[in-house]
Amino acid sequence: MSKNVIPMIVEIPKGSSNKYEVDGVSGKIKLDRVLYGANFYPGEYGMVENTLDWDGDPLDVISLCTYPTLPGVEVDVRILGSIKMIDAGEIDTKLFGVFNDDPRFKSYEKLSDVPQHLRDEIENFFLQYKALQKKTVVINGWGDQKEALHELEECKERFVEYKDRLAKGQRDMILEEWKAKGLGQG
């Protein structure tokens, strides 16, 4: 398998307005919220296990696909780049890719292979999906494949460093420590 093909656990199927998350302690999938506006996820949305991003959650992935799957399904995603996002003041990068096993995306090998309109739709979704909650989302552009894979490695290392504390339920304490040090702030 190529180094840019990674397993993603689907949390939110394409087309859903329900925001599901895998609970970090129990491992169960739970409804976090229903989106406040008339928005729906433009791709499969999920996470990479054994990673830790600056928002205290596993690293997020949004992937283009033809047909939606189900929460909890593991899919192989070919990473093409990343979305450099700040969500409520915290760095919240999203890896971006395509289903590796979907023949309709076979020719997508780098970010520039994705039609600009599809990238614009995804960016627009993230800029709008929390607007009615009065939360600010900022997108500082897209990163290429190399940047995305570097982000993945950093999040894996961060998870190794903090996994024992996360298992003890200290996520919020870790976030407060990072905030006090200015880490992970946008």
Protein backbone atom coordinates (compact mmCIF):
# COMPACT_ATOMS: atom_id res chain seq x y z
CA MET A 1 0.00 0.00 0.00
CA SER A 2 1.25 3.48 -0.86
CA LYS A 3 2.41 5.77 1.96
CA ASN A 4 -0.37 8.23 1.11
CA VAL A 5 -3.13 5.59 1.46
CA ILE A 6 -4.35 5.48 5.05
CA PRO A 7 -7.24 3.88 6.92
CA MET A 8 -10.03 6.26 7.95
CA ILE A 9 -12.86 5.43 10.31
CA VAL A 10 -16.01 6.99 8.85
CA GLU A 11 -17.92 9.03 11.41
CA ILE A 12 -20.25 10.95 9.10
CA PRO A 13 -21.49 9.61 5.76
CA LYS A 14 -21.61 11.87 2.70
CA GLY A 15 -24.90 13.79 2.60
CA SER A 16 -25.59 13.64 6.34
CA SER A 17 -26.46 16.58 8.57
CA ASN A 18 -25.86 14.51 11.71
CA LYS A 19 -22.43 15.00 13.27
CA TYR A 20 -21.30 11.70 14.73
CA GLU A 21 -18.04 11.17 16.60
CA VAL A 22 -16.21 8.13 17.86
CA ASP A 23 -16.02 8.52 21.64
CA GLY A 24 -12.35 8.49 22.64
CA VAL A 25 -12.95 6.51 25.83
CA SER A 26 -15.72 4.03 24.99
CA GLY A 27 -15.00 3.71 21.27
CA LYS A 28 -18.72 3.96 20.54
CA ILE A 29 -20.13 6.20 17.85
CA LYS A 30 -22.36 8.88 19.29
CA LEU A 31 -24.37 11.77 17.93
CA ASP A 32 -22.47 14.94 18.76
CA ARG A 33 -25.08 17.27 17.26
CA VAL A 34 -27.30 17.89 14.29
CA LEU A 35 -25.94 20.69 12.12
CA TYR A 36 -27.77 23.94 12.82
CA GLY A 37 -28.21 24.98 9.20
CA ALA A 38 -29.32 23.46 5.92
CA ASN A 39 -25.88 21.95 5.40
CA PHE A 40 -24.74 18.43 4.65
CA TYR A 41 -21.31 16.84 4.54
CA PRO A 42 -19.98 16.95 0.95
CA GLY A 43 -17.88 13.80 1.41
CA GLU A 44 -17.25 10.99 3.86
CA TYR A 45 -15.91 12.53 7.06
CA GLY A 46 -13.96 10.64 9.64
CA MET A 47 -10.79 10.28 11.62
CA VAL A 48 -7.45 8.54 11.74
CA GLU A 49 -7.09 6.29 14.77
CA ASN A 50 -4.14 6.82 17.12
CA THR A 51 -3.66 10.46 16.17
CA LEU A 52 -4.15 13.66 18.17
CA ASP A 53 -4.77 17.05 16.59
CA TRP A 54 -4.58 20.41 18.37
CA ASP A 55 -8.36 20.41 19.00
CA GLY A 56 -7.94 17.40 21.29
CA ASP A 57 -9.55 14.98 18.84
CA PRO A 58 -8.09 12.51 16.35
CA LEU A 59 -6.97 13.98 13.03
CA ASP A 60 -9.96 14.61 10.74
CA VAL A 61 -10.27 13.46 7.14
CA ILE A 62 -12.79 14.40 4.47
CA SER A 63 -12.84 12.13 1.44
CA LEU A 64 -14.57 12.25 -1.88
CA CYS A 65 -16.57 9.13 -2.68
CA THR A 66 -19.33 8.08 -5.04
CA TYR A 67 -21.68 6.47 -2.52
CA PRO A 68 -21.98 7.06 1.24
CA THR A 69 -21.00 4.32 3.67
CA LEU A 70 -21.96 4.08 7.35
CA PRO A 71 -20.52 5.37 10.63
CA GLY A 72 -17.84 3.01 11.92
CA VAL A 73 -16.78 1.65 8.53
CA GLU A 74 -13.05 1.65 7.83
CA VAL A 75 -12.07 2.79 4.33
CA ASP A 76 -8.72 3.32 2.66
CA VAL A 77 -8.30 6.95 1.65
CA ARG A 78 -5.68 8.21 -0.78
CA ILE A 79 -4.51 11.48 0.76
CA LEU A 80 -4.13 14.30 -1.77
CA GLY A 81 -3.71 17.29 0.52
CA SER A 82 -5.12 19.09 3.53
CA ILE A 83 -7.39 21.96 4.47
CA LYS A 84 -5.67 24.40 6.84
CA MET A 85 -8.51 25.28 9.16
CA ILE A 86 -8.90 27.26 12.36
CA ASP A 87 -12.09 26.39 14.25
CA ALA A 88 -13.06 28.63 17.17
CA GLY A 89 -9.44 29.75 17.50
CA GLU A 90 -7.93 26.23 17.49
CA ILE A 91 -5.90 24.66 14.71
CA ASP A 92 -8.13 21.96 13.20
CA THR A 93 -6.47 20.69 10.02
CA LYS A 94 -8.44 18.30 7.81
CA LEU A 95 -6.73 15.76 5.61
CA PHE A 96 -8.36 15.55 2.19
CA GLY A 97 -8.49 12.62 -0.18
CA VAL A 98 -10.50 10.13 -2.17
CA PHE A 99 -11.62 6.56 -1.59
CA ASN A 100 -8.68 4.50 -2.80
CA ASP A 101 -10.97 1.66 -3.91
CA ASP A 102 -13.44 3.81 -5.88
CA PRO A 103 -12.58 3.48 -9.59
CA ARG A 104 -14.16 6.87 -10.34
CA PHE A 105 -11.25 8.54 -8.50
CA LYS A 106 -8.46 6.35 -9.87
CA SER A 107 -6.84 9.29 -11.71
CA TYR A 108 -6.80 11.56 -8.64
CA GLU A 109 -3.22 11.48 -7.40
CA LYS A 110 -2.64 15.07 -6.26
CA LEU A 111 -4.71 18.04 -5.17
CA SER A 112 -4.63 19.64 -8.63
CA ASP A 113 -6.42 16.56 -10.05
CA VAL A 114 -9.56 17.51 -8.10
CA PRO A 115 -11.89 19.89 -9.96
CA GLN A 116 -11.71 23.34 -8.40
CA HIS A 117 -15.48 23.49 -7.95
CA LEU A 118 -15.44 20.39 -5.70
CA ARG A 119 -12.71 21.96 -3.56
CA ASP A 120 -14.72 25.22 -3.44
CA GLU A 121 -17.81 23.30 -2.26
CA ILE A 122 -15.88 21.64 0.55
CA GLU A 123 -14.32 24.93 1.62
CA ASN A 124 -17.72 26.62 1.54
CA PHE A 125 -19.20 23.85 3.68
CA PHE A 126 -16.60 24.31 6.40
CA LEU A 127 -16.92 28.09 6.30
CA GLN A 128 -20.71 27.83 6.79
CA TYR A 129 -21.40 24.73 8.87
CA LYS A 130 -21.10 26.49 12.24
CA ALA A 131 -22.36 29.95 11.22
CA LEU A 132 -25.72 29.57 12.98
CA GLN A 133 -23.88 28.53 16.14
CA LYS A 134 -22.05 31.89 15.96
CA LYS A 135 -18.70 30.08 15.76
CA THR A 136 -15.96 31.34 13.49
CA VAL A 137 -14.15 29.08 11.05
CA VAL A 138 -11.17 30.35 9.07
CA ILE A 139 -9.54 28.51 6.19
CA ASN A 140 -5.93 29.43 5.47
CA GLY A 141 -5.76 27.60 2.16
CA TRP A 142 -4.97 24.07 1.15
CA GLY A 143 -1.81 22.10 1.79
CA ASP A 144 -0.31 19.70 -0.72
CA GLN A 145 0.19 15.97 -0.19
CA LYS A 146 3.60 16.43 1.43
CA GLU A 147 2.18 18.88 4.00
CA ALA A 148 -0.75 16.57 4.69
CA LEU A 149 1.47 13.56 5.33
CA HIS A 150 3.71 15.67 7.59
CA GLU A 151 0.61 16.70 9.58
CA LEU A 152 -0.38 13.04 9.88
CA GLU A 153 3.04 12.12 11.31
CA GLU A 154 2.94 15.00 13.81
CA CYS A 155 -0.51 13.92 15.00
CA LYS A 156 0.66 10.31 15.40
CA GLU A 157 3.62 11.49 17.51
CA ARG A 158 1.38 13.75 19.61
CA PHE A 159 -0.96 10.82 20.27
CA VAL A 160 1.92 8.63 21.48
CA GLU A 161 3.01 11.42 23.83
CA TYR A 162 -0.47 11.92 25.33
CA LYS A 163 -2.24 8.57 24.95
CA ASP A 164 -1.94 7.57 28.61
CA ARG A 165 -3.43 10.86 29.77
CA LEU A 166 -6.20 10.65 27.16
CA ALA A 167 -7.08 7.16 28.41
CA LYS A 168 -7.47 8.67 31.90
CA GLY A 169 -9.97 11.22 30.58
CA GLN A 170 -7.61 14.21 30.76
CA ARG A 171 -8.40 15.63 27.30
CA ASP A 172 -9.74 18.95 28.63
CA MET A 173 -6.77 19.34 30.97
CA ILE A 174 -4.39 18.78 28.04
CA LEU A 175 -6.23 21.39 25.97
CA GLU A 176 -5.98 23.93 28.82
CA GLU A 177 -2.24 23.28 29.12
CA TRP A 178 -1.76 23.76 25.39
CA LYS A 179 -3.80 26.95 25.45
CA ALA A 180 -1.73 28.34 28.33
CA LYS A 181 1.44 27.62 26.31
CA GLY A 182 -0.06 29.05 23.11
CA LEU A 183 0.10 25.65 21.41
CA GLY A 184 -2.43 24.77 18.74
CA GLN A 185 -3.90 28.26 18.63
CA GLY A 186 -4.70 29.89 15.32
